[in-house]
């Protein structure tokens, strides 16, 4: 019975590890998409100082707000 429990625990740990790997891959893909939209590479984003990152986020937020206002005026949404 102990062997079965050990196998089951191992399978559960592998499933959790796979889930975490998939989440990390999704996060990396999302980071790459955002970097492309911002005109930077993921490496450049990772190398940003906190101040540079805040400035970039603020610029992107302003773009999103502007697009939202434009679309709202046309009866559309993001």
PDB file of N, CA and C in Angstrom:
ATOM      1  N   UNK A   1       0.824  -1.193   0.000  1.00  0.00           N
ATOM      2  CA  UNK A   1       0.000   0.000   0.000  1.00  0.00           C
ATOM      3  C   UNK A   1       0.869   1.258   0.000  1.00  0.00           C
ATOM      4  N   UNK A   2       1.969   1.227   0.747  1.00  0.00           N
ATOM      5  CA  UNK A   2       2.870   2.369   0.812  1.00  0.00           C
ATOM      6  C   UNK A   2       3.456   2.691  -0.561  1.00  0.00           C
ATOM      7  N   UNK A   3       3.785   1.652  -1.335  1.00  0.00           N
ATOM      8  CA  UNK A   3       4.342   1.858  -2.672  1.00  0.00           C
ATOM      9  C   UNK A   3       3.329   2.568  -3.567  1.00  0.00           C
ATOM     10  N   UNK A   4       2.081   2.188  -3.470  1.00  0.00           N
ATOM     11  CA  UNK A   4       1.024   2.815  -4.272  1.00  0.00           C
ATOM     12  C   UNK A   4       0.879   4.287  -3.882  1.00  0.00           C
ATOM     13  N   UNK A   5       0.942   4.572  -2.600  1.00  0.00           N
ATOM     14  CA  UNK A   5       0.846   5.959  -2.138  1.00  0.00           C
ATOM     15  C   UNK A   5       2.030   6.777  -2.650  1.00  0.00           C
ATOM     16  N   UNK A   6       3.224   6.177  -2.629  1.00  0.00           N
ATOM     17  CA  UNK A   6       4.407   6.875  -3.130  1.00  0.00           C
ATOM     18  C   UNK A   6       4.277   7.172  -4.621  1.00  0.00           C
ATOM     19  N   UNK A   7       3.776   6.205  -5.375  1.00  0.00           N
ATOM     20  CA  UNK A   7       3.574   6.405  -6.814  1.00  0.00           C
ATOM     21  C   UNK A   7       2.542   7.500  -7.052  1.00  0.00           C
ATOM     22  N   UNK A   8       1.448   7.432  -6.312  1.00  0.00           N
ATOM     23  CA  UNK A   8       0.399   8.433  -6.454  1.00  0.00           C
ATOM     24  C   UNK A   8       0.932   9.826  -6.118  1.00  0.00           C
ATOM     25  N   UNK A   9       1.699   9.917  -5.058  1.00  0.00           N
ATOM     26  CA  UNK A   9       2.276  11.206  -4.677  1.00  0.00           C
ATOM     27  C   UNK A   9       3.227  11.707  -5.763  1.00  0.00           C
ATOM     28  N   UNK A  10       4.020  10.818  -6.330  1.00  0.00           N
ATOM     29  CA  UNK A  10       4.931  11.198  -7.412  1.00  0.00           C
ATOM     30  C   UNK A  10       4.188  11.707  -8.633  1.00  0.00           C
ATOM     31  N   UNK A  11       3.099  11.044  -8.970  1.00  0.00           N
ATOM     32  CA  UNK A  11       2.284  11.467 -10.110  1.00  0.00           C
ATOM     33  C   UNK A  11       1.681  12.847  -9.837  1.00  0.00           C
ATOM     34  N   UNK A  12       1.195  13.060  -8.625  1.00  0.00           N
ATOM     35  CA  UNK A  12       0.620  14.359  -8.265  1.00  0.00           C
ATOM     36  C   UNK A  12       1.678  15.458  -8.335  1.00  0.00           C
ATOM     37  N   UNK A  13       2.892  15.162  -7.872  1.00  0.00           N
ATOM     38  CA  UNK A  13       3.978  16.145  -7.922  1.00  0.00           C
ATOM     39  C   UNK A  13       4.365  16.452  -9.359  1.00  0.00           C
ATOM     40  N   UNK A  14       4.378  15.440 -10.217  1.00  0.00           N
ATOM     41  CA  UNK A  14       4.701  15.663 -11.628  1.00  0.00           C
ATOM     42  C   UNK A  14       3.617  16.503 -12.297  1.00  0.00           C
ATOM     43  N   UNK A  15       2.363  16.247 -11.951  1.00  0.00           N
ATOM     44  CA  UNK A  15       1.265  17.020 -12.521  1.00  0.00           C
ATOM     45  C   UNK A  15       1.369  18.486 -12.088  1.00  0.00           C
ATOM     46  N   UNK A  16       1.706  18.701 -10.846  1.00  0.00           N
ATOM     47  CA  UNK A  16       1.867  20.073 -10.335  1.00  0.00           C
ATOM     48  C   UNK A  16       3.047  20.761 -11.012  1.00  0.00           C
ATOM     49  N   UNK A  17       4.144  20.035 -11.197  1.00  0.00           N
ATOM     50  CA  UNK A  17       5.318  20.602 -11.863  1.00  0.00           C
ATOM     51  C   UNK A  17       4.979  20.969 -13.309  1.00  0.00           C
ATOM     52  N   UNK A  18       4.215  20.113 -13.964  1.00  0.00           N
ATOM     53  CA  UNK A  18       3.812  20.400 -15.340  1.00  0.00           C
ATOM     54  C   UNK A  18       2.923  21.643 -15.385  1.00  0.00           C
ATOM     55  N   UNK A  19       1.991  21.727 -14.446  1.00  0.00           N
ATOM     56  CA  UNK A  19       1.104  22.888 -14.382  1.00  0.00           C
ATOM     57  C   UNK A  19       1.908  24.177 -14.188  1.00  0.00           C
ATOM     58  N   UNK A  20       2.885  24.140 -13.291  1.00  0.00           N
ATOM     59  CA  UNK A  20       3.724  25.317 -13.062  1.00  0.00           C
ATOM     60  C   UNK A  20       4.539  25.665 -14.304  1.00  0.00           C
ATOM     61  N   UNK A  21       5.043  24.656 -14.999  1.00  0.00           N
ATOM     62  CA  UNK A  21       5.811  24.890 -16.227  1.00  0.00           C
ATOM     63  C   UNK A  21       4.928  25.532 -17.296  1.00  0.00           C
ATOM     64  N   UNK A  22       3.682  25.069 -17.405  1.00  0.00           N
ATOM     65  CA  UNK A  22       2.754  25.649 -18.369  1.00  0.00           C
ATOM     66  C   UNK A  22       2.426  27.099 -18.013  1.00  0.00           C
ATOM     67  N   UNK A  23       2.260  27.377 -16.729  1.00  0.00           N
ATOM     68  CA  UNK A  23       1.992  28.750 -16.294  1.00  0.00           C
ATOM     69  C   UNK A  23       3.177  29.651 -16.618  1.00  0.00           C
ATOM     70  N   UNK A  24       4.380  29.139 -16.402  1.00  0.00           N
ATOM     71  CA  UNK A  24       5.575  29.924 -16.698  1.00  0.00           C
ATOM     72  C   UNK A  24       5.676  30.181 -18.199  1.00  0.00           C
ATOM     73  N   UNK A  25       5.399  29.160 -19.002  1.00  0.00           N
ATOM     74  CA  UNK A  25       5.434  29.328 -20.456  1.00  0.00           C
ATOM     75  C   UNK A  25       4.395  30.355 -20.909  1.00  0.00           C
ATOM     76  N   UNK A  26       3.204  30.300 -20.315  1.00  0.00           N
ATOM     77  CA  UNK A  26       2.167  31.278 -20.640  1.00  0.00           C
ATOM     78  C   UNK A  26       2.610  32.690 -20.277  1.00  0.00           C
ATOM     79  N   UNK A  27       3.238  32.830 -19.118  1.00  0.00           N
ATOM     80  CA  UNK A  27       3.713  34.151 -18.677  1.00  0.00           C
ATOM     81  C   UNK A  27       4.793  34.671 -19.614  1.00  0.00           C
ATOM     82  N   UNK A  28       5.692  33.799 -20.045  1.00  0.00           N
ATOM     83  CA  UNK A  28       6.753  34.202 -20.972  1.00  0.00           C
ATOM     84  C   UNK A  28       6.138  34.623 -22.304  1.00  0.00           C
ATOM     85  N   UNK A  29       5.172  33.856 -22.797  1.00  0.00           N
ATOM     86  CA  UNK A  29       4.517  34.208 -24.056  1.00  0.00           C
ATOM     87  C   UNK A  29       3.805  35.549 -23.947  1.00  0.00           C
ATOM     88  N   UNK A  30       3.141  35.775 -22.837  1.00  0.00           N
ATOM     89  CA  UNK A  30       2.448  37.048 -22.616  1.00  0.00           C
ATOM     90  C   UNK A  30       3.450  38.194 -22.561  1.00  0.00           C
ATOM     91  N   UNK A  31       4.575  37.967 -21.885  1.00  0.00           N
ATOM     92  CA  UNK A  31       5.614  38.992 -21.796  1.00  0.00           C
ATOM     93  C   UNK A  31       6.150  39.314 -23.191  1.00  0.00           C
ATOM     94  N   UNK A  32       6.340  38.295 -24.016  1.00  0.00           N
ATOM     95  CA  UNK A  32       6.835  38.517 -25.371  1.00  0.00           C
ATOM     96  C   UNK A  32       5.825  39.301 -26.210  1.00  0.00           C
ATOM     97  N   UNK A  33       4.536  38.984 -26.059  1.00  0.00           N
ATOM     98  CA  UNK A  33       3.499  39.718 -26.790  1.00  0.00           C
ATOM     99  C   UNK A  33       3.489  41.189 -26.388  1.00  0.00           C
ATOM    100  N   UNK A  34       3.531  41.429 -25.076  1.00  0.00           N
ATOM    101  CA  UNK A  34       3.523  42.812 -24.591  1.00  0.00           C
ATOM    102  C   UNK A  34       4.765  43.559 -25.043  1.00  0.00           C
ATOM    103  N   UNK A  35       5.897  42.886 -25.029  1.00  0.00           N
ATOM    104  CA  UNK A  35       7.141  43.518 -25.464  1.00  0.00           C
ATOM    105  C   UNK A  35       7.070  43.884 -26.942  1.00  0.00           C
ATOM    106  N   UNK A  36       6.502  43.015 -27.755  1.00  0.00           N
ATOM    107  CA  UNK A  36       6.354  43.304 -29.178  1.00  0.00           C
ATOM    108  C   UNK A  36       5.444  44.505 -29.381  1.00  0.00           C
ATOM    109  N   UNK A  37       4.356  44.556 -28.629  1.00  0.00           N
ATOM    110  CA  UNK A  37       3.429  45.674 -28.743  1.00  0.00           C
ATOM    111  C   UNK A  37       4.084  46.973 -28.297  1.00  0.00           C
ATOM    112  N   UNK A  38       4.970  46.884 -27.329  1.00  0.00           N
ATOM    113  CA  UNK A  38       5.641  48.076 -26.813  1.00  0.00           C
ATOM    114  C   UNK A  38       6.884  48.422 -27.631  1.00  0.00           C
ATOM    115  N   UNK A  39       7.243  47.548 -28.583  1.00  0.00           N
ATOM    116  CA  UNK A  39       8.410  47.813 -29.419  1.00  0.00           C
ATOM    117  C   UNK A  39       9.720  47.494 -28.731  1.00  0.00           C
ATOM    118  N   UNK A  40       9.701  46.601 -27.765  1.00  0.00           N
ATOM    119  CA  UNK A  40      10.921  46.198 -27.070  1.00  0.00           C
ATOM    120  C   UNK A  40      11.009  44.680 -27.058  1.00  0.00           C
ATOM    121  N   UNK A  41      12.185  44.188 -26.780  1.00  0.00           N
ATOM    122  CA  UNK A  41      12.360  42.744 -26.654  1.00  0.00           C
ATOM    123  C   UNK A  41      12.138  42.340 -25.205  1.00  0.00           C
ATOM    124  N   UNK A  42      11.825  41.071 -24.953  1.00  0.00           N
ATOM    125  CA  UNK A  42      11.675  40.635 -23.559  1.00  0.00           C
ATOM    126  C   UNK A  42      12.936  40.888 -22.738  1.00  0.00           C
ATOM    127  N   UNK A  43      14.091  40.749 -23.375  1.00  0.00           N
ATOM    128  CA  UNK A  43      15.351  40.991 -22.662  1.00  0.00           C
ATOM    129  C   UNK A  43      15.463  42.451 -22.228  1.00  0.00           C
ATOM    130  N   UNK A  44      15.019  43.354 -23.100  1.00  0.00           N
ATOM    131  CA  UNK A  44      15.053  44.780 -22.756  1.00  0.00           C
ATOM    132  C   UNK A  44      14.094  45.080 -21.604  1.00  0.00           C
ATOM    133  N   UNK A  45      12.946  44.428 -21.637  1.00  0.00           N
ATOM    134  CA  UNK A  45      11.973  44.635 -20.555  1.00  0.00           C
ATOM    135  C   UNK A  45      12.556  44.145 -19.232  1.00  0.00           C
ATOM    136  N   UNK A  46      13.182  42.963 -19.254  1.00  0.00           N
ATOM    137  CA  UNK A  46      13.759  42.405 -18.031  1.00  0.00           C
ATOM    138  C   UNK A  46      14.909  43.260 -17.505  1.00  0.00           C
ATOM    139  N   UNK A  47      15.608  43.954 -18.414  1.00  0.00           N
ATOM    140  CA  UNK A  47      16.751  44.761 -18.013  1.00  0.00           C
ATOM    141  C   UNK A  47      16.358  46.158 -17.530  1.00  0.00           C
ATOM    142  N   UNK A  48      15.076  46.492 -17.632  1.00  0.00           N
ATOM    143  CA  UNK A  48      14.623  47.827 -17.224  1.00  0.00           C
ATOM    144  C   UNK A  48      14.742  48.010 -15.720  1.00  0.00           C
ATOM    145  N   UNK A  49      15.066  49.237 -15.353  1.00  0.00           N
ATOM    146  CA  UNK A  49      15.037  49.578 -13.936  1.00  0.00           C
ATOM    147  C   UNK A  49      13.573  49.736 -13.527  1.00  0.00           C
ATOM    148  N   UNK A  50      13.287  49.719 -12.230  1.00  0.00           N
ATOM    149  CA  UNK A  50      11.899  49.921 -11.803  1.00  0.00           C
ATOM    150  C   UNK A  50      11.308  51.238 -12.320  1.00  0.00           C
ATOM    151  N   UNK A  51      12.120  52.271 -12.384  1.00  0.00           N
ATOM    152  CA  UNK A  51      11.641  53.565 -12.872  1.00  0.00           C
ATOM    153  C   UNK A  51      11.294  53.488 -14.360  1.00  0.00           C
ATOM    154  N   UNK A  52      12.162  52.822 -15.140  1.00  0.00           N
ATOM    155  CA  UNK A  52      11.900  52.668 -16.569  1.00  0.00           C
ATOM    156  C   UNK A  52      10.653  51.820 -16.799  1.00  0.00           C
ATOM    157  N   UNK A  53      10.498  50.775 -16.013  1.00  0.00           N
ATOM    158  CA  UNK A  53       9.330  49.906 -16.146  1.00  0.00           C
ATOM    159  C   UNK A  53       8.055  50.674 -15.816  1.00  0.00           C
ATOM    160  N   UNK A  54       8.098  51.477 -14.770  1.00  0.00           N
ATOM    161  CA  UNK A  54       6.933  52.289 -14.397  1.00  0.00           C
ATOM    162  C   UNK A  54       6.592  53.267 -15.515  1.00  0.00           C
ATOM    163  N   UNK A  55       7.608  53.890 -16.090  1.00  0.00           N
ATOM    164  CA  UNK A  55       7.383  54.829 -17.189  1.00  0.00           C
ATOM    165  C   UNK A  55       6.765  54.119 -18.398  1.00  0.00           C
ATOM    166  N   UNK A  56       7.267  52.936 -18.715  1.00  0.00           N
ATOM    167  CA  UNK A  56       6.726  52.167 -19.842  1.00  0.00           C
ATOM    168  C   UNK A  56       5.275  51.771 -19.583  1.00  0.00           C
ATOM    169  N   UNK A  57       4.985  51.350 -18.359  1.00  0.00           N
ATOM    170  CA  UNK A  57       3.608  50.976 -18.004  1.00  0.00           C
ATOM    171  C   UNK A  57       2.692  52.186 -18.121  1.00  0.00           C
ATOM    172  N   UNK A  58       3.161  53.329 -17.660  1.00  0.00           N
ATOM    173  CA  UNK A  58       2.347  54.543 -17.749  1.00  0.00           C
ATOM    174  C   UNK A  58       2.063  54.909 -19.199  1.00  0.00           C
ATOM    175  N   UNK A  59       3.074  54.766 -20.073  1.00  0.00           N
ATOM    176  CA  UNK A  59       2.871  55.062 -21.494  1.00  0.00           C
ATOM    177  C   UNK A  59       1.852  54.108 -22.106  1.00  0.00           C
ATOM    178  N   UNK A  60       1.991  52.818 -21.796  1.00  0.00           N
ATOM    179  CA  UNK A  60       1.039  51.844 -22.321  1.00  0.00           C
ATOM    180  C   UNK A  60      -0.362  52.098 -21.785  1.00  0.00           C
ATOM    181  N   UNK A  61      -0.469  52.475 -20.521  1.00  0.00           N
ATOM    182  CA  UNK A  61      -1.777  52.783 -19.934  1.00  0.00           C
ATOM    183  C   UNK A  61      -2.417  53.966 -20.649  1.00  0.00           C
ATOM    184  N   UNK A  62      -1.618  54.971 -20.974  1.00  0.00           N
ATOM    185  CA  UNK A  62      -2.139  56.144 -21.679  1.00  0.00           C
ATOM    186  C   UNK A  62      -2.638  55.750 -23.068  1.00  0.00           C
ATOM    187  N   UNK A  63      -1.913  54.848 -23.735  1.00  0.00           N
ATOM    188  CA  UNK A  63      -2.334  54.379 -25.061  1.00  0.00           C
ATOM    189  C   UNK A  63      -3.665  53.636 -24.952  1.00  0.00           C
ATOM    190  N   UNK A  64      -3.769  52.759 -23.959  1.00  0.00           N
ATOM    191  CA  UNK A  64      -5.006  51.996 -23.769  1.00  0.00           C
ATOM    192  C   UNK A  64      -6.168  52.936 -23.452  1.00  0.00           C
ATOM    193  N   UNK A  65      -5.935  53.926 -22.597  1.00  0.00           N
ATOM    194  CA  UNK A  65      -7.003  54.875 -22.250  1.00  0.00           C
ATOM    195  C   UNK A  65      -7.448  55.656 -23.486  1.00  0.00           C
ATOM    196  N   UNK A  66      -6.487  56.084 -24.311  1.00  0.00           N
ATOM    197  CA  UNK A  66      -6.808  56.825 -25.527  1.00  0.00           C
ATOM    198  C   UNK A  66      -7.620  55.960 -26.481  1.00  0.00           C
ATOM    199  N   UNK A  67      -7.196  54.713 -26.670  1.00  0.00           N
ATOM    200  CA  UNK A  67      -7.938  53.801 -27.552  1.00  0.00           C
ATOM    201  C   UNK A  67      -9.340  53.541 -27.018  1.00  0.00           C
ATOM    202  N   UNK A  68      -9.445  53.389 -25.711  1.00  0.00           N
ATOM    203  CA  UNK A  68     -10.756  53.153 -25.098  1.00  0.00           C
ATOM    204  C   UNK A  68     -11.683  54.338 -25.361  1.00  0.00           C
ATOM    205  N   UNK A  69     -11.163  55.547 -25.184  1.00  0.00           N
ATOM    206  CA  UNK A  69     -11.980  56.746 -25.428  1.00  0.00           C
ATOM    207  C   UNK A  69     -12.415  56.810 -26.886  1.00  0.00           C
ATOM    208  N   UNK A  70     -11.506  56.500 -27.797  1.00  0.00           N
ATOM    209  CA  UNK A  70     -11.836  56.540 -29.223  1.00  0.00           C
ATOM    210  C   UNK A  70     -12.915  55.511 -29.557  1.00  0.00           C
ATOM    211  N   UNK A  71     -12.760  54.313 -29.025  1.00  0.00           N
ATOM    212  CA  UNK A  71     -13.730  53.261 -29.311  1.00  0.00           C
ATOM    213  C   UNK A  71     -15.076  53.554 -28.657  1.00  0.00           C
ATOM    214  N   UNK A  72     -15.048  54.103 -27.447  1.00  0.00           N
ATOM    215  CA  UNK A  72     -16.296  54.448 -26.768  1.00  0.00           C
ATOM    216  C   UNK A  72     -17.082  55.461 -27.590  1.00  0.00           C
ATOM    217  N   UNK A  73     -16.389  56.377 -28.226  1.00  0.00           N
ATOM    218  CA  UNK A  73     -17.039  57.377 -29.064  1.00  0.00           C
ATOM    219  C   UNK A  73     -17.700  56.761 -30.282  1.00  0.00           C
ATOM    220  N   UNK A  74     -17.242  55.591 -30.683  1.00  0.00           N
ATOM    221  CA  UNK A  74     -17.804  54.904 -31.845  1.00  0.00           C
ATOM    222  C   UNK A  74     -18.781  53.805 -31.438  1.00  0.00           C
ATOM    223  N   UNK A  75     -19.037  53.692 -30.148  1.00  0.00           N
ATOM    224  CA  UNK A  75     -19.947  52.671 -29.659  1.00  0.00           C
ATOM    225  C   UNK A  75     -19.333  51.282 -29.623  1.00  0.00           C
ATOM    226  N   UNK A  76     -18.001  51.222 -29.657  1.00  0.00           N
ATOM    227  CA  UNK A  76     -17.306  49.944 -29.609  1.00  0.00           C
ATOM    228  C   UNK A  76     -16.567  49.834 -28.282  1.00  0.00           C
ATOM    229  N   UNK A  77     -15.996  48.678 -28.041  1.00  0.00           N
ATOM    230  CA  UNK A  77     -15.206  48.490 -26.822  1.00  0.00           C
ATOM    231  C   UNK A  77     -13.999  47.620 -27.122  1.00  0.00           C
ATOM    232  N   UNK A  78     -13.031  47.654 -26.203  1.00  0.00           N
ATOM    233  CA  UNK A  78     -11.814  46.848 -26.387  1.00  0.00           C
ATOM    234  C   UNK A  78     -12.106  45.386 -26.218  1.00  0.00           C
TER     235      UNK A  78
END
